[in-house]
Every structure is written in structure tokens, then in C-alpha cells.
Amino acid sequence: MAIKGRPAKAPGLLALAIAFALLTALRCRHQFGRLLALGLGVNFLFYVFINIAMVTGSIPVGGGPFPLISRGGSATITVMLGFGLLGSACVHPDAEFASSSERGLL
């Protein structure tokens, strides 16, 4: 029963993750957080698009794993690192960064 339900939940999980990234990008007040969240959301969307295109036969099979669903060494580490950065941008949407003159670099 659990094996039958797993593929049915995958599109919802992936859509939720992409929506979370885009909403985090809209919520951030600083440029770095917006670009970080938007870039990670688009990166995640490309992972999904490429994997679906490989499964349907639109593009040749390259061997990239489906994010959060299949196992896959360095790609899984990259996705998890991206979600960690995305979570940090979500928790700190009002973060202030010191300019180089305030840090004493100029």
C-alpha cells in the first residue's frame, strides 16, 4: 500500500517545494535572499523538468536523480544543501548586511 501511494504524492511534494522557494523569494527584503531563493527554486524546477523529460522520452537519458524521491550521491547532497540555504533565507527574511565601510574594509 505504501509503495502505491509514493508516486501519487511525488508531484504534490515537488510542487510544494517549488512554491516554498518562490514564496520565500517574494518574502525576503534583501536582494541576496531573493536571488538565492529564486535561483534554488529554478534549479529544483530544472531537476524536475529534466527528469520528467527523460522519462517521457523527450530527451536522452542522462542519469540525473529525481529530487527527494530517488537516491543519488552528489546531486542529493546538492539538493539538501540548497534546502538548507532556502530554509535560512526563509527564517531570516529581514537580515541586515553590513557594508564594506561599516566593517572597516574601506
C-alpha atoms as a PDB file:
ATOM      1  CA  MET A   1       0.000   0.000   0.000  1.00  0.00           C
ATOM      2  CA  ALA A   2       2.797   2.422   0.854  1.00  0.00           C
ATOM      3  CA  ILE A   3       4.532   1.693  -2.438  1.00  0.00           C
ATOM      4  CA  LYS A   4       1.364   2.531  -4.389  1.00  0.00           C
ATOM      5  CA  GLY A   5       0.922   5.872  -2.622  1.00  0.00           C
ATOM      6  CA  ARG A   6       4.501   7.064  -3.034  1.00  0.00           C
ATOM      7  CA  PRO A   7       4.366   8.034  -6.756  1.00  0.00           C
ATOM      8  CA  ALA A   8       0.997   9.729  -6.282  1.00  0.00           C
ATOM      9  CA  LYS A   9       2.406  12.053  -3.601  1.00  0.00           C
ATOM     10  CA  ALA A  10       5.537  12.995  -5.575  1.00  0.00           C
ATOM     11  CA  PRO A  11       4.007  15.717  -7.808  1.00  0.00           C
ATOM     12  CA  GLY A  12       2.406  17.422  -4.824  1.00  0.00           C
ATOM     13  CA  LEU A  13       5.634  17.322  -2.837  1.00  0.00           C
ATOM     14  CA  LEU A  14       7.641  18.759  -5.714  1.00  0.00           C
ATOM     15  CA  ALA A  15       5.084  21.493  -6.413  1.00  0.00           C
ATOM     16  CA  LEU A  16       5.060  22.383  -2.713  1.00  0.00           C
ATOM     17  CA  ALA A  17       8.870  22.651  -2.631  1.00  0.00           C
ATOM     18  CA  ILE A  18       8.960  24.908  -5.703  1.00  0.00           C
ATOM     19  CA  ALA A  19       6.126  27.074  -4.312  1.00  0.00           C
ATOM     20  CA  PHE A  20       8.012  27.361  -0.999  1.00  0.00           C
ATOM     21  CA  ALA A  21      11.105  28.606  -2.821  1.00  0.00           C
ATOM     22  CA  LEU A  22       9.156  31.195  -4.805  1.00  0.00           C
ATOM     23  CA  LEU A  23       7.235  32.428  -1.756  1.00  0.00           C
ATOM     24  CA  THR A  24      10.495  32.736   0.176  1.00  0.00           C
ATOM     25  CA  ALA A  25      11.919  34.812  -2.689  1.00  0.00           C
ATOM     26  CA  LEU A  26       8.919  37.145  -2.522  1.00  0.00           C
ATOM     27  CA  ARG A  27       9.126  37.426   1.263  1.00  0.00           C
ATOM     28  CA  CYS A  28      12.830  38.317   1.527  1.00  0.00           C
ATOM     29  CA  ARG A  29      13.596  42.010   1.818  1.00  0.00           C
ATOM     30  CA  HIS A  30      17.241  41.862   0.816  1.00  0.00           C
ATOM     31  CA  GLN A  31      18.488  41.205  -2.686  1.00  0.00           C
ATOM     32  CA  PHE A  32      20.764  38.293  -1.760  1.00  0.00           C
ATOM     33  CA  GLY A  33      17.940  36.309  -0.134  1.00  0.00           C
ATOM     34  CA  ARG A  34      15.631  36.928  -3.084  1.00  0.00           C
ATOM     35  CA  LEU A  35      18.199  35.819  -5.638  1.00  0.00           C
ATOM     36  CA  LEU A  36      19.224  32.824  -3.536  1.00  0.00           C
ATOM     37  CA  ALA A  37      15.643  31.578  -3.092  1.00  0.00           C
ATOM     38  CA  LEU A  38      14.699  32.219  -6.702  1.00  0.00           C
ATOM     39  CA  GLY A  39      17.842  30.517  -8.010  1.00  0.00           C
ATOM     40  CA  LEU A  40      17.296  27.452  -5.828  1.00  0.00           C
ATOM     41  CA  GLY A  41      13.644  27.234  -6.877  1.00  0.00           C
ATOM     42  CA  VAL A  42      14.561  27.415 -10.555  1.00  0.00           C
ATOM     43  CA  ASN A  43      17.356  24.868 -10.035  1.00  0.00           C
ATOM     44  CA  PHE A  44      14.911  22.489  -8.393  1.00  0.00           C
ATOM     45  CA  LEU A  45      12.420  23.072 -11.221  1.00  0.00           C
ATOM     46  CA  PHE A  46      15.123  22.189 -13.782  1.00  0.00           C
ATOM     47  CA  TYR A  47      15.887  18.938 -11.922  1.00  0.00           C
ATOM     48  CA  VAL A  48      12.207  18.009 -12.124  1.00  0.00           C
ATOM     49  CA  PHE A  49      11.786  19.116 -15.752  1.00  0.00           C
ATOM     50  CA  ILE A  50      14.835  17.206 -16.969  1.00  0.00           C
ATOM     51  CA  ASN A  51      13.834  14.040 -15.134  1.00  0.00           C
ATOM     52  CA  ILE A  52      10.263  14.136 -16.468  1.00  0.00           C
ATOM     53  CA  ALA A  53      11.565  14.796 -19.993  1.00  0.00           C
ATOM     54  CA  MET A  54      13.882  11.765 -19.706  1.00  0.00           C
ATOM     55  CA  VAL A  55      11.046   9.533 -18.516  1.00  0.00           C
ATOM     56  CA  THR A  56       8.731  10.611 -21.353  1.00  0.00           C
ATOM     57  CA  GLY A  57      11.497  10.147 -23.941  1.00  0.00           C
ATOM     58  CA  SER A  58      11.699  13.802 -24.977  1.00  0.00           C
ATOM     59  CA  ILE A  59      15.442  13.963 -24.255  1.00  0.00           C
ATOM     60  CA  PRO A  60      18.087  11.221 -23.986  1.00  0.00           C
ATOM     61  CA  VAL A  61      18.558   9.589 -20.601  1.00  0.00           C
ATOM     62  CA  GLY A  62      21.392  11.267 -18.709  1.00  0.00           C
ATOM     63  CA  GLY A  63      21.207   9.658 -15.284  1.00  0.00           C
ATOM     64  CA  GLY A  64      20.162  12.573 -13.058  1.00  0.00           C
ATOM     65  CA  PRO A  65      18.161  11.543  -9.980  1.00  0.00           C
ATOM     66  CA  PHE A  66      14.640  12.753  -9.221  1.00  0.00           C
ATOM     67  CA  PRO A  67      14.995  15.199  -6.301  1.00  0.00           C
ATOM     68  CA  LEU A  68      13.730  13.985  -2.908  1.00  0.00           C
ATOM     69  CA  ILE A  69      12.497  10.729  -4.448  1.00  0.00           C
ATOM     70  CA  SER A  70      15.457   8.734  -5.846  1.00  0.00           C
ATOM     71  CA  ARG A  71      18.834   8.100  -4.351  1.00  0.00           C
ATOM     72  CA  GLY A  72      21.804   9.770  -5.959  1.00  0.00           C
ATOM     73  CA  GLY A  73      25.111  10.774  -4.333  1.00  0.00           C
ATOM     74  CA  SER A  74      26.298  14.299  -5.039  1.00  0.00           C
ATOM     75  CA  ALA A  75      23.011  15.503  -6.554  1.00  0.00           C
ATOM     76  CA  THR A  76      21.183  14.609  -3.339  1.00  0.00           C
ATOM     77  CA  ILE A  77      23.782  16.455  -1.273  1.00  0.00           C
ATOM     78  CA  THR A  78      23.403  19.498  -3.541  1.00  0.00           C
ATOM     79  CA  VAL A  79      19.592  19.486  -3.216  1.00  0.00           C
ATOM     80  CA  MET A  80      19.762  19.115   0.571  1.00  0.00           C
ATOM     81  CA  LEU A  81      22.331  21.917   0.832  1.00  0.00           C
ATOM     82  CA  GLY A  82      20.028  24.073  -1.294  1.00  0.00           C
ATOM     83  CA  PHE A  83      17.096  23.365   1.007  1.00  0.00           C
ATOM     84  CA  GLY A  84      19.233  24.319   3.982  1.00  0.00           C
ATOM     85  CA  LEU A  85      20.098  27.660   2.384  1.00  0.00           C
ATOM     86  CA  LEU A  86      16.462  28.150   1.419  1.00  0.00           C
ATOM     87  CA  GLY A  87      15.357  27.464   4.980  1.00  0.00           C
ATOM     88  CA  SER A  88      17.863  30.017   6.259  1.00  0.00           C
ATOM     89  CA  ALA A  89      16.553  32.637   3.831  1.00  0.00           C
ATOM     90  CA  CYS A  90      13.005  31.863   4.989  1.00  0.00           C
ATOM     91  CA  VAL A  91      13.857  32.168   8.687  1.00  0.00           C
ATOM     92  CA  HIS A  92      15.821  35.426   8.237  1.00  0.00           C
ATOM     93  CA  PRO A  93      13.881  37.472   5.637  1.00  0.00           C
ATOM     94  CA  ASP A  94      14.841  40.794   7.271  1.00  0.00           C
ATOM     95  CA  ALA A  95      18.574  40.138   7.690  1.00  0.00           C
ATOM     96  CA  GLU A  96      20.809  43.197   7.608  1.00  0.00           C
ATOM     97  CA  PHE A  97      24.207  43.014   5.973  1.00  0.00           C
ATOM     98  CA  ALA A  98      26.995  45.372   6.966  1.00  0.00           C
ATOM     99  CA  SER A  99      28.525  47.357   4.120  1.00  0.00           C
ATOM    100  CA  SER A 100      32.247  47.207   3.498  1.00  0.00           C
ATOM    101  CA  SER A 101      32.739  50.678   5.020  1.00  0.00           C
ATOM    102  CA  GLU A 102      30.949  49.592   8.221  1.00  0.00           C
ATOM    103  CA  ARG A 103      33.218  46.548   8.506  1.00  0.00           C
ATOM    104  CA  GLY A 104      36.322  48.675   8.195  1.00  0.00           C
ATOM    105  CA  LEU A 105      37.412  47.343   4.819  1.00  0.00           C
ATOM    106  CA  LEU A 106      37.486  50.701   3.071  1.00  0.00           C
END
